[in-house]
Amino acid sequence: ESVRSLAGHGMEVTLDHLGEDITDRSEALRNRDAYLALADSLAGEGLGPRAEMSVKLSAFGQALPGGDDLAYANVLPVVEAAAAAGTTVTLDMEDHTTVD
């Protein structure tokens, strides 16, 4: 509702589901699912072009064992859903331990 209201006033928004510092794979999947639901909502409301989704790879499991592959596998469907919704994904940089 807030995105619709802001878009109605000509504003664009950045959306971020807070979920970094996860401790297991199930949390990474919940974060992925939350972003997929967000992309679906943006598409359904026609708000994709007025919004962008900001993601932190740590929220997708980057710090867990096998984290680089896990984060990639979890974020890829989000990026695809965002593209289908007409929105963009911004990779939110974190601290030096998560940047190569």
N, C-alpha and C. Protein backbone atom coordinates (compact mmCIF):
# COMPACT_ATOMS: atom_id res chain seq x y z
N GLU A 1 0.83 -1.19 0.00
CA GLU A 1 0.00 0.00 0.00
C GLU A 1 0.87 1.26 0.00
N SER A 2 1.94 1.24 0.78
CA SER A 2 2.83 2.40 0.83
C SER A 2 3.49 2.65 -0.52
N VAL A 3 3.92 1.56 -1.18
CA VAL A 3 4.55 1.71 -2.49
C VAL A 3 3.56 2.31 -3.48
N ARG A 4 2.35 1.81 -3.47
CA ARG A 4 1.32 2.34 -4.37
C ARG A 4 1.09 3.83 -4.12
N SER A 5 1.02 4.22 -2.85
CA SER A 5 0.80 5.61 -2.50
C SER A 5 1.95 6.49 -2.97
N LEU A 6 3.17 6.06 -2.69
CA LEU A 6 4.34 6.85 -3.10
C LEU A 6 4.44 6.93 -4.62
N ALA A 7 4.20 5.81 -5.29
CA ALA A 7 4.23 5.80 -6.76
C ALA A 7 3.17 6.73 -7.33
N GLY A 8 2.03 6.79 -6.66
CA GLY A 8 0.96 7.68 -7.08
C GLY A 8 1.34 9.14 -7.00
N HIS A 9 2.32 9.43 -6.17
CA HIS A 9 2.83 10.81 -6.05
C HIS A 9 4.10 11.02 -6.88
N GLY A 10 4.37 10.09 -7.80
CA GLY A 10 5.51 10.23 -8.69
C GLY A 10 6.84 9.81 -8.11
N MET A 11 6.83 9.17 -6.95
CA MET A 11 8.09 8.77 -6.32
C MET A 11 8.44 7.34 -6.68
N GLU A 12 9.72 7.05 -6.65
CA GLU A 12 10.21 5.69 -6.82
C GLU A 12 10.73 5.21 -5.48
N VAL A 13 10.71 3.89 -5.27
CA VAL A 13 11.08 3.36 -3.96
C VAL A 13 12.10 2.24 -4.08
N THR A 14 12.84 2.06 -3.02
CA THR A 14 13.74 0.93 -2.84
C THR A 14 13.18 0.09 -1.71
N LEU A 15 13.07 -1.21 -1.95
CA LEU A 15 12.51 -2.12 -0.95
C LEU A 15 13.58 -3.11 -0.52
N ASP A 16 13.69 -3.33 0.78
CA ASP A 16 14.68 -4.24 1.34
C ASP A 16 14.02 -5.05 2.43
N HIS A 17 14.02 -6.37 2.26
CA HIS A 17 13.53 -7.26 3.32
C HIS A 17 14.71 -7.52 4.25
N LEU A 18 14.63 -7.05 5.48
CA LEU A 18 15.74 -7.21 6.42
C LEU A 18 15.83 -8.66 6.85
N GLY A 19 17.00 -9.25 6.70
CA GLY A 19 17.14 -10.65 7.05
C GLY A 19 18.57 -11.13 7.04
N GLU A 20 19.52 -10.23 7.15
CA GLU A 20 20.91 -10.65 7.17
C GLU A 20 21.22 -11.34 8.50
N ASP A 21 22.44 -11.85 8.61
CA ASP A 21 22.88 -12.56 9.82
C ASP A 21 22.05 -13.81 10.09
N ILE A 22 21.78 -14.56 9.04
CA ILE A 22 21.02 -15.80 9.21
C ILE A 22 21.94 -16.90 9.74
N THR A 23 21.35 -17.92 10.34
CA THR A 23 22.14 -18.98 10.96
C THR A 23 21.91 -20.35 10.35
N ASP A 24 20.92 -20.50 9.47
CA ASP A 24 20.71 -21.79 8.82
C ASP A 24 20.03 -21.63 7.46
N ARG A 25 20.03 -22.72 6.71
CA ARG A 25 19.51 -22.70 5.34
C ARG A 25 18.02 -22.38 5.29
N SER A 26 17.28 -22.79 6.30
CA SER A 26 15.84 -22.52 6.27
C SER A 26 15.56 -21.02 6.32
N GLU A 27 16.38 -20.28 7.03
CA GLU A 27 16.22 -18.82 7.06
C GLU A 27 16.53 -18.22 5.68
N ALA A 28 17.54 -18.76 5.01
CA ALA A 28 17.87 -18.29 3.66
C ALA A 28 16.70 -18.53 2.72
N LEU A 29 16.06 -19.68 2.85
CA LEU A 29 14.90 -19.99 2.00
C LEU A 29 13.72 -19.08 2.32
N ARG A 30 13.52 -18.78 3.59
CA ARG A 30 12.44 -17.85 3.96
C ARG A 30 12.69 -16.46 3.38
N ASN A 31 13.93 -16.02 3.41
CA ASN A 31 14.26 -14.72 2.81
C ASN A 31 14.03 -14.75 1.30
N ARG A 32 14.47 -15.83 0.65
CA ARG A 32 14.21 -15.96 -0.79
C ARG A 32 12.72 -15.88 -1.08
N ASP A 33 11.94 -16.63 -0.30
CA ASP A 33 10.49 -16.65 -0.51
C ASP A 33 9.85 -15.29 -0.27
N ALA A 34 10.37 -14.54 0.70
CA ALA A 34 9.84 -13.20 0.97
C ALA A 34 10.10 -12.28 -0.23
N TYR A 35 11.28 -12.37 -0.81
CA TYR A 35 11.58 -11.55 -1.99
C TYR A 35 10.77 -11.99 -3.20
N LEU A 36 10.54 -13.30 -3.35
CA LEU A 36 9.70 -13.77 -4.45
C LEU A 36 8.27 -13.25 -4.30
N ALA A 37 7.76 -13.25 -3.07
CA ALA A 37 6.42 -12.71 -2.82
C ALA A 37 6.38 -11.21 -3.12
N LEU A 38 7.44 -10.51 -2.77
CA LEU A 38 7.52 -9.08 -3.05
C LEU A 38 7.49 -8.82 -4.56
N ALA A 39 8.28 -9.57 -5.31
CA ALA A 39 8.29 -9.41 -6.77
C ALA A 39 6.91 -9.71 -7.35
N ASP A 40 6.26 -10.73 -6.83
CA ASP A 40 4.92 -11.09 -7.29
C ASP A 40 3.93 -9.96 -7.01
N SER A 41 4.03 -9.37 -5.83
CA SER A 41 3.14 -8.25 -5.47
C SER A 41 3.38 -7.04 -6.37
N LEU A 42 4.64 -6.74 -6.62
CA LEU A 42 4.96 -5.61 -7.50
C LEU A 42 4.39 -5.85 -8.90
N ALA A 43 4.54 -7.07 -9.39
CA ALA A 43 4.02 -7.40 -10.72
C ALA A 43 2.50 -7.28 -10.74
N GLY A 44 1.86 -7.83 -9.72
CA GLY A 44 0.40 -7.82 -9.66
C GLY A 44 -0.19 -6.43 -9.59
N GLU A 45 0.53 -5.53 -8.96
CA GLU A 45 0.06 -4.14 -8.81
C GLU A 45 0.57 -3.23 -9.93
N GLY A 46 1.41 -3.78 -10.81
CA GLY A 46 1.98 -2.96 -11.87
C GLY A 46 2.97 -1.93 -11.38
N LEU A 47 3.59 -2.21 -10.23
CA LEU A 47 4.48 -1.24 -9.61
C LEU A 47 5.97 -1.51 -9.85
N GLY A 48 6.28 -2.57 -10.59
CA GLY A 48 7.67 -2.91 -10.83
C GLY A 48 8.53 -1.76 -11.33
N PRO A 49 8.06 -1.00 -12.32
CA PRO A 49 8.88 0.09 -12.85
C PRO A 49 9.12 1.23 -11.85
N ARG A 50 8.35 1.30 -10.79
CA ARG A 50 8.48 2.38 -9.80
C ARG A 50 9.30 1.94 -8.58
N ALA A 51 9.79 0.70 -8.60
CA ALA A 51 10.46 0.17 -7.41
C ALA A 51 11.74 -0.56 -7.81
N GLU A 52 12.60 -0.72 -6.85
CA GLU A 52 13.75 -1.60 -6.98
C GLU A 52 13.84 -2.41 -5.70
N MET A 53 14.40 -3.60 -5.82
CA MET A 53 14.58 -4.46 -4.65
C MET A 53 16.08 -4.50 -4.32
N SER A 54 16.40 -4.23 -3.08
CA SER A 54 17.77 -4.25 -2.62
C SER A 54 17.99 -5.56 -1.85
N VAL A 55 19.04 -6.30 -2.21
CA VAL A 55 19.30 -7.58 -1.55
C VAL A 55 20.71 -7.60 -0.95
N LYS A 56 20.82 -8.31 0.14
CA LYS A 56 22.11 -8.59 0.77
C LYS A 56 22.34 -10.09 0.61
N LEU A 57 23.47 -10.47 0.03
CA LEU A 57 23.73 -11.89 -0.17
C LEU A 57 23.81 -12.65 1.14
N SER A 58 24.16 -11.98 2.23
CA SER A 58 24.18 -12.67 3.52
C SER A 58 22.80 -13.17 3.91
N ALA A 59 21.75 -12.49 3.45
CA ALA A 59 20.38 -12.91 3.75
C ALA A 59 19.98 -14.15 2.96
N PHE A 60 20.77 -14.49 1.95
CA PHE A 60 20.50 -15.66 1.12
C PHE A 60 21.43 -16.82 1.43
N GLY A 61 22.23 -16.69 2.50
CA GLY A 61 23.05 -17.80 2.98
C GLY A 61 24.52 -17.70 2.69
N GLN A 62 25.02 -16.56 2.29
CA GLN A 62 26.42 -16.42 1.90
C GLN A 62 27.40 -16.82 3.01
N ALA A 63 27.05 -16.58 4.27
CA ALA A 63 27.99 -16.87 5.37
C ALA A 63 27.91 -18.31 5.86
N LEU A 64 26.99 -19.09 5.33
CA LEU A 64 26.84 -20.48 5.75
C LEU A 64 27.83 -21.36 5.00
N PRO A 65 28.06 -22.60 5.47
CA PRO A 65 28.91 -23.51 4.71
C PRO A 65 28.38 -23.67 3.28
N GLY A 66 29.27 -23.56 2.31
CA GLY A 66 28.85 -23.60 0.90
C GLY A 66 28.07 -22.37 0.51
N GLY A 67 28.31 -21.29 1.25
CA GLY A 67 27.49 -20.10 1.15
C GLY A 67 27.47 -19.39 -0.19
N ASP A 68 28.58 -19.34 -0.90
CA ASP A 68 28.57 -18.64 -2.18
C ASP A 68 27.60 -19.31 -3.15
N ASP A 69 27.67 -20.64 -3.24
CA ASP A 69 26.76 -21.37 -4.12
C ASP A 69 25.33 -21.29 -3.62
N LEU A 70 25.14 -21.37 -2.32
CA LEU A 70 23.80 -21.29 -1.73
C LEU A 70 23.18 -19.93 -2.00
N ALA A 71 23.93 -18.88 -1.77
CA ALA A 71 23.41 -17.53 -2.00
C ALA A 71 23.05 -17.33 -3.47
N TYR A 72 23.90 -17.81 -4.36
CA TYR A 72 23.62 -17.69 -5.79
C TYR A 72 22.34 -18.44 -6.16
N ALA A 73 22.22 -19.67 -5.67
CA ALA A 73 21.03 -20.47 -5.98
C ALA A 73 19.76 -19.83 -5.43
N ASN A 74 19.86 -19.17 -4.30
CA ASN A 74 18.68 -18.53 -3.71
C ASN A 74 18.34 -17.19 -4.34
N VAL A 75 19.34 -16.44 -4.76
CA VAL A 75 19.07 -15.11 -5.30
C VAL A 75 18.69 -15.15 -6.78
N LEU A 76 19.13 -16.17 -7.51
CA LEU A 76 18.83 -16.24 -8.94
C LEU A 76 17.33 -16.20 -9.24
N PRO A 77 16.49 -17.00 -8.56
CA PRO A 77 15.05 -16.89 -8.86
C PRO A 77 14.46 -15.54 -8.48
N VAL A 78 15.06 -14.87 -7.52
CA VAL A 78 14.59 -13.53 -7.14
C VAL A 78 14.89 -12.54 -8.26
N VAL A 79 16.08 -12.62 -8.81
CA VAL A 79 16.46 -11.74 -9.92
C VAL A 79 15.56 -12.01 -11.13
N GLU A 80 15.29 -13.27 -11.41
CA GLU A 80 14.42 -13.62 -12.53
C GLU A 80 13.00 -13.10 -12.30
N ALA A 81 12.49 -13.25 -11.08
CA ALA A 81 11.14 -12.77 -10.76
C ALA A 81 11.08 -11.25 -10.84
N ALA A 82 12.13 -10.59 -10.39
CA ALA A 82 12.18 -9.13 -10.47
C ALA A 82 12.15 -8.66 -11.92
N ALA A 83 12.92 -9.31 -12.77
CA ALA A 83 12.93 -8.95 -14.19
C ALA A 83 11.55 -9.14 -14.79
N ALA A 84 10.89 -10.24 -14.44
CA ALA A 84 9.53 -10.49 -14.95
C ALA A 84 8.54 -9.44 -14.45
N ALA A 85 8.80 -8.90 -13.26
CA ALA A 85 7.91 -7.88 -12.68
C ALA A 85 8.22 -6.48 -13.21
N GLY A 86 9.31 -6.36 -13.97
CA GLY A 86 9.69 -5.06 -14.51
C GLY A 86 10.44 -4.19 -13.54
N THR A 87 11.03 -4.81 -12.53
CA THR A 87 11.80 -4.05 -11.55
C THR A 87 13.26 -4.48 -11.60
N THR A 88 14.09 -3.84 -10.82
CA THR A 88 15.51 -4.15 -10.78
C THR A 88 15.90 -4.64 -9.40
N VAL A 89 17.07 -5.27 -9.35
CA VAL A 89 17.64 -5.73 -8.09
C VAL A 89 18.98 -5.04 -7.92
N THR A 90 19.18 -4.46 -6.76
CA THR A 90 20.45 -3.83 -6.41
C THR A 90 21.14 -4.69 -5.37
N LEU A 91 22.39 -5.02 -5.61
CA LEU A 91 23.18 -5.79 -4.66
C LEU A 91 23.71 -4.83 -3.61
N ASP A 92 23.26 -5.01 -2.39
CA ASP A 92 23.63 -4.15 -1.27
C ASP A 92 24.96 -4.63 -0.71
N MET A 93 25.97 -3.80 -0.80
CA MET A 93 27.28 -4.17 -0.27
C MET A 93 27.25 -4.15 1.25
N GLU A 94 27.93 -5.10 1.82
CA GLU A 94 27.98 -5.22 3.27
C GLU A 94 29.40 -4.90 3.73
N ASP A 95 29.87 -5.59 4.73
CA ASP A 95 31.22 -5.29 5.20
C ASP A 95 32.26 -6.05 4.37
N HIS A 96 33.52 -5.81 4.67
CA HIS A 96 34.61 -6.34 3.86
C HIS A 96 34.66 -7.86 3.81
N THR A 97 34.06 -8.55 4.77
CA THR A 97 34.11 -10.01 4.78
C THR A 97 33.20 -10.64 3.73
N THR A 98 32.29 -9.87 3.15
CA THR A 98 31.37 -10.43 2.17
C THR A 98 31.65 -9.95 0.75
N VAL A 99 32.71 -9.18 0.57
CA VAL A 99 33.03 -8.63 -0.74
C VAL A 99 34.34 -9.22 -1.22
N ASP A 100 34.35 -9.73 -2.43
CA ASP A 100 35.57 -10.31 -3.00
C ASP A 100 36.32 -9.25 -3.78
